[in-house]
Amino acid sequence: MASDTDGRLRVFARHREKGILQEFVIEKEEAQRVIENTMEQRRQLESISTAPLQKVLMQLYQTSADSPKIGKRNPEKGIIEQVDMTPRPLVYVSDQAGARIKDEILNSDANAYKKGFIVDAAVETVGGRPRLYRITDVYDVIDLEDD
């Protein structure tokens, strides 16, 4: 429709033969603007999802007592709310990152699920959708208080 010289979309909603209650019309120019805006929003989202996240808050969702595997998927899952609320598997890029998180899981008296980890992370995507977090650095661990 946007590329048609006389493109027009008309949608009517009727209710029991009593005439038109709603009419929705999109002309060619409006359709072209919708496509342009959609493509721009997609480019923005893709650039955000591929850019490394720096010093963001991550909360653990699932933990394991297994030794950290560097460069490979680990049993731990984390949530970075800046991306979304879905728990994602963690990949530790460095020994230090994996060791710091594992130390909080295994050796801290506090509940690891009540802690926030200030991390640098790369969001790995498949088909434009986040699938896992590559944790490159851990800066700090903070206690998250219940409100």
C-alpha atoms as a PDB file:
ATOM      1  CA  MET A   1       0.000   0.000   0.000  1.00  0.00           C
ATOM      2  CA  ALA A   2       2.814   2.475   0.829  1.00  0.00           C
ATOM      3  CA  SER A   3       4.443   1.891  -2.550  1.00  0.00           C
ATOM      4  CA  ASP A   4       1.188   1.862  -4.542  1.00  0.00           C
ATOM      5  CA  THR A   5       0.516   5.138  -6.400  1.00  0.00           C
ATOM      6  CA  ASP A   6      -3.066   5.218  -5.157  1.00  0.00           C
ATOM      7  CA  GLY A   7      -2.678   3.166  -1.994  1.00  0.00           C
ATOM      8  CA  ARG A   8      -5.408   3.371   0.593  1.00  0.00           C
ATOM      9  CA  LEU A   9      -6.510   1.148   3.438  1.00  0.00           C
ATOM     10  CA  ARG A  10     -10.025   1.412   4.781  1.00  0.00           C
ATOM     11  CA  VAL A  11     -11.284  -0.522   7.750  1.00  0.00           C
ATOM     12  CA  PHE A  12     -14.911  -0.313   8.840  1.00  0.00           C
ATOM     13  CA  ALA A  13     -16.463  -1.633  12.014  1.00  0.00           C
ATOM     14  CA  ARG A  14     -20.192  -2.278  11.871  1.00  0.00           C
ATOM     15  CA  HIS A  15     -22.605  -3.274  14.530  1.00  0.00           C
ATOM     16  CA  ARG A  16     -25.658  -5.364  13.555  1.00  0.00           C
ATOM     17  CA  GLU A  17     -26.522  -3.685  10.287  1.00  0.00           C
ATOM     18  CA  LYS A  18     -26.927  -0.257  11.914  1.00  0.00           C
ATOM     19  CA  GLY A  19     -24.263   1.566  10.009  1.00  0.00           C
ATOM     20  CA  ILE A  20     -20.635   2.347  10.572  1.00  0.00           C
ATOM     21  CA  LEU A  21     -19.508   2.812  14.144  1.00  0.00           C
ATOM     22  CA  GLN A  22     -15.810   3.199  13.378  1.00  0.00           C
ATOM     23  CA  GLU A  23     -13.925   3.993  10.219  1.00  0.00           C
ATOM     24  CA  PHE A  24     -10.149   3.809   9.968  1.00  0.00           C
ATOM     25  CA  VAL A  25      -8.476   5.125   6.812  1.00  0.00           C
ATOM     26  CA  ILE A  26      -4.754   5.217   6.029  1.00  0.00           C
ATOM     27  CA  GLU A  27      -3.622   7.039   2.914  1.00  0.00           C
ATOM     28  CA  LYS A  28      -0.385   6.373   1.045  1.00  0.00           C
ATOM     29  CA  GLU A  29       1.529   9.229   2.724  1.00  0.00           C
ATOM     30  CA  GLU A  30       0.538   8.056   6.208  1.00  0.00           C
ATOM     31  CA  ALA A  31       1.566   4.493   5.385  1.00  0.00           C
ATOM     32  CA  GLN A  32       4.974   5.727   4.209  1.00  0.00           C
ATOM     33  CA  ARG A  33       5.445   7.670   7.477  1.00  0.00           C
ATOM     34  CA  VAL A  34       4.474   4.583   9.477  1.00  0.00           C
ATOM     35  CA  ILE A  35       7.107   2.541   7.631  1.00  0.00           C
ATOM     36  CA  GLU A  36       9.793   5.210   8.087  1.00  0.00           C
ATOM     37  CA  ASN A  37       9.036   5.611  11.800  1.00  0.00           C
ATOM     38  CA  THR A  38       8.953   1.872  12.344  1.00  0.00           C
ATOM     39  CA  MET A  39      12.300   1.381  10.610  1.00  0.00           C
ATOM     40  CA  GLU A  40      13.876   4.213  12.653  1.00  0.00           C
ATOM     41  CA  GLN A  41      12.565   2.747  15.911  1.00  0.00           C
ATOM     42  CA  ARG A  42      13.906  -0.657  14.917  1.00  0.00           C
ATOM     43  CA  ARG A  43      17.355   0.811  14.175  1.00  0.00           C
ATOM     44  CA  GLN A  44      17.347   2.512  17.573  1.00  0.00           C
ATOM     45  CA  LEU A  45      16.353  -0.686  19.363  1.00  0.00           C
ATOM     46  CA  GLU A  46      18.976  -2.707  17.518  1.00  0.00           C
ATOM     47  CA  SER A  47      21.713  -0.209  18.371  1.00  0.00           C
ATOM     48  CA  ILE A  48      20.683  -0.289  22.029  1.00  0.00           C
ATOM     49  CA  SER A  49      20.583  -4.086  22.155  1.00  0.00           C
ATOM     50  CA  THR A  50      24.019  -4.485  20.557  1.00  0.00           C
ATOM     51  CA  ALA A  51      25.760  -1.783  22.588  1.00  0.00           C
ATOM     52  CA  PRO A  52      27.534  -3.065  25.705  1.00  0.00           C
ATOM     53  CA  LEU A  53      25.819  -2.086  28.929  1.00  0.00           C
ATOM     54  CA  GLN A  54      28.099  -0.335  31.386  1.00  0.00           C
ATOM     55  CA  LYS A  55      27.682  -0.322  35.146  1.00  0.00           C
ATOM     56  CA  VAL A  56      24.120  -1.624  35.126  1.00  0.00           C
ATOM     57  CA  LEU A  57      22.307  -3.345  37.962  1.00  0.00           C
ATOM     58  CA  MET A  58      21.854  -7.099  37.642  1.00  0.00           C
ATOM     59  CA  GLN A  59      19.982  -9.290  40.094  1.00  0.00           C
ATOM     60  CA  LEU A  60      20.441 -13.046  40.277  1.00  0.00           C
ATOM     61  CA  TYR A  61      17.418 -15.190  39.480  1.00  0.00           C
ATOM     62  CA  GLN A  62      18.974 -18.668  39.529  1.00  0.00           C
ATOM     63  CA  THR A  63      22.242 -19.800  41.101  1.00  0.00           C
ATOM     64  CA  SER A  64      24.450 -22.864  41.194  1.00  0.00           C
ATOM     65  CA  ALA A  65      27.292 -24.138  43.361  1.00  0.00           C
ATOM     66  CA  ASP A  66      29.186 -25.338  40.268  1.00  0.00           C
ATOM     67  CA  SER A  67      32.524 -23.718  39.443  1.00  0.00           C
ATOM     68  CA  PRO A  68      32.216 -20.860  36.971  1.00  0.00           C
ATOM     69  CA  LYS A  69      32.888 -21.721  33.335  1.00  0.00           C
ATOM     70  CA  ILE A  70      34.703 -18.905  31.596  1.00  0.00           C
ATOM     71  CA  GLY A  71      33.438 -18.113  28.107  1.00  0.00           C
ATOM     72  CA  LYS A  72      30.670 -20.711  28.340  1.00  0.00           C
ATOM     73  CA  ARG A  73      27.068 -20.680  29.431  1.00  0.00           C
ATOM     74  CA  ASN A  74      26.666 -21.118  33.194  1.00  0.00           C
ATOM     75  CA  PRO A  75      23.697 -22.382  35.223  1.00  0.00           C
ATOM     76  CA  GLU A  76      23.210 -18.914  36.750  1.00  0.00           C
ATOM     77  CA  LYS A  77      20.550 -16.633  35.362  1.00  0.00           C
ATOM     78  CA  GLY A  78      20.281 -12.909  35.930  1.00  0.00           C
ATOM     79  CA  ILE A  79      17.845 -10.088  35.316  1.00  0.00           C
ATOM     80  CA  ILE A  80      18.943  -6.710  33.996  1.00  0.00           C
ATOM     81  CA  GLU A  81      15.812  -4.557  34.179  1.00  0.00           C
ATOM     82  CA  GLN A  82      17.303  -2.050  31.746  1.00  0.00           C
ATOM     83  CA  VAL A  83      16.892  -4.788  29.096  1.00  0.00           C
ATOM     84  CA  ASP A  84      13.757  -6.545  30.357  1.00  0.00           C
ATOM     85  CA  MET A  85      12.445  -8.598  33.272  1.00  0.00           C
ATOM     86  CA  THR A  86      13.236 -11.982  31.744  1.00  0.00           C
ATOM     87  CA  PRO A  87      15.944 -14.079  33.460  1.00  0.00           C
ATOM     88  CA  ARG A  88      18.810 -14.759  31.038  1.00  0.00           C
ATOM     89  CA  PRO A  89      21.733 -17.216  31.264  1.00  0.00           C
ATOM     90  CA  LEU A  90      25.102 -15.721  32.230  1.00  0.00           C
ATOM     91  CA  VAL A  91      28.426 -16.162  30.447  1.00  0.00           C
ATOM     92  CA  TYR A  92      31.459 -14.957  32.412  1.00  0.00           C
ATOM     93  CA  VAL A  93      34.038 -13.361  30.124  1.00  0.00           C
ATOM     94  CA  SER A  94      36.772 -13.190  32.784  1.00  0.00           C
ATOM     95  CA  ASP A  95      37.865 -15.259  35.773  1.00  0.00           C
ATOM     96  CA  GLN A  96      37.419 -12.220  38.008  1.00  0.00           C
ATOM     97  CA  ALA A  97      33.785 -11.657  36.999  1.00  0.00           C
ATOM     98  CA  GLY A  98      32.832 -15.298  37.533  1.00  0.00           C
ATOM     99  CA  ALA A  99      34.763 -15.543  40.807  1.00  0.00           C
ATOM    100  CA  ARG A 100      33.198 -12.390  42.254  1.00  0.00           C
ATOM    101  CA  ILE A 101      29.642 -13.524  41.570  1.00  0.00           C
ATOM    102  CA  LYS A 102      30.345 -17.106  42.738  1.00  0.00           C
ATOM    103  CA  ASP A 103      31.925 -15.765  45.930  1.00  0.00           C
ATOM    104  CA  GLU A 104      28.731 -13.866  46.731  1.00  0.00           C
ATOM    105  CA  ILE A 105      26.646 -16.963  45.999  1.00  0.00           C
ATOM    106  CA  LEU A 106      28.724 -19.422  48.022  1.00  0.00           C
ATOM    107  CA  ASN A 107      30.537 -17.497  50.744  1.00  0.00           C
ATOM    108  CA  SER A 108      28.296 -14.625  51.759  1.00  0.00           C
ATOM    109  CA  ASP A 109      26.056 -14.812  54.802  1.00  0.00           C
ATOM    110  CA  ALA A 110      23.443 -12.744  52.992  1.00  0.00           C
ATOM    111  CA  ASN A 111      20.953 -14.053  50.459  1.00  0.00           C
ATOM    112  CA  ALA A 112      22.456 -13.740  46.946  1.00  0.00           C
ATOM    113  CA  TYR A 113      18.982 -13.090  45.538  1.00  0.00           C
ATOM    114  CA  LYS A 114      18.712  -9.953  47.692  1.00  0.00           C
ATOM    115  CA  LYS A 115      21.875  -8.466  46.210  1.00  0.00           C
ATOM    116  CA  GLY A 116      22.465  -6.280  43.216  1.00  0.00           C
ATOM    117  CA  PHE A 117      25.564  -6.633  41.074  1.00  0.00           C
ATOM    118  CA  ILE A 118      26.892  -3.567  39.268  1.00  0.00           C
ATOM    119  CA  VAL A 119      28.223  -5.080  36.045  1.00  0.00           C
ATOM    120  CA  ASP A 120      29.322  -4.435  32.505  1.00  0.00           C
ATOM    121  CA  ALA A 121      27.412  -6.773  30.221  1.00  0.00           C
ATOM    122  CA  ALA A 122      26.966  -7.484  26.539  1.00  0.00           C
ATOM    123  CA  VAL A 123      23.505  -8.603  25.526  1.00  0.00           C
ATOM    124  CA  GLU A 124      23.682 -11.458  23.026  1.00  0.00           C
ATOM    125  CA  THR A 125      20.677 -11.641  20.742  1.00  0.00           C
ATOM    126  CA  VAL A 126      19.185 -14.155  18.337  1.00  0.00           C
ATOM    127  CA  GLY A 127      16.767 -12.775  15.797  1.00  0.00           C
ATOM    128  CA  GLY A 128      16.924  -9.396  17.520  1.00  0.00           C
ATOM    129  CA  ARG A 129      15.754 -10.809  20.851  1.00  0.00           C
ATOM    130  CA  PRO A 130      17.974 -10.957  23.979  1.00  0.00           C
ATOM    131  CA  ARG A 131      19.112 -14.509  24.785  1.00  0.00           C
ATOM    132  CA  LEU A 132      21.995 -14.232  27.288  1.00  0.00           C
ATOM    133  CA  TYR A 133      24.281 -11.826  29.126  1.00  0.00           C
ATOM    134  CA  ARG A 134      28.065 -11.824  28.765  1.00  0.00           C
ATOM    135  CA  ILE A 135      29.351 -10.443  32.045  1.00  0.00           C
ATOM    136  CA  THR A 136      32.629  -8.663  31.389  1.00  0.00           C
ATOM    137  CA  ASP A 137      33.222  -6.972  34.740  1.00  0.00           C
ATOM    138  CA  VAL A 138      31.734  -6.763  38.237  1.00  0.00           C
ATOM    139  CA  TYR A 139      32.269  -3.409  39.952  1.00  0.00           C
ATOM    140  CA  ASP A 140      30.290  -3.666  43.131  1.00  0.00           C
ATOM    141  CA  VAL A 141      27.787  -5.747  45.055  1.00  0.00           C
ATOM    142  CA  ILE A 142      25.029  -3.961  46.935  1.00  0.00           C
ATOM    143  CA  ASP A 143      22.270  -5.097  49.273  1.00  0.00           C
ATOM    144  CA  LEU A 144      18.791  -4.648  47.827  1.00  0.00           C
ATOM    145  CA  GLU A 145      16.367  -3.799  50.570  1.00  0.00           C
ATOM    146  CA  ASP A 146      12.728  -4.772  50.400  1.00  0.00           C
ATOM    147  CA  ASP A 147      10.490  -1.732  50.147  1.00  0.00           C
END
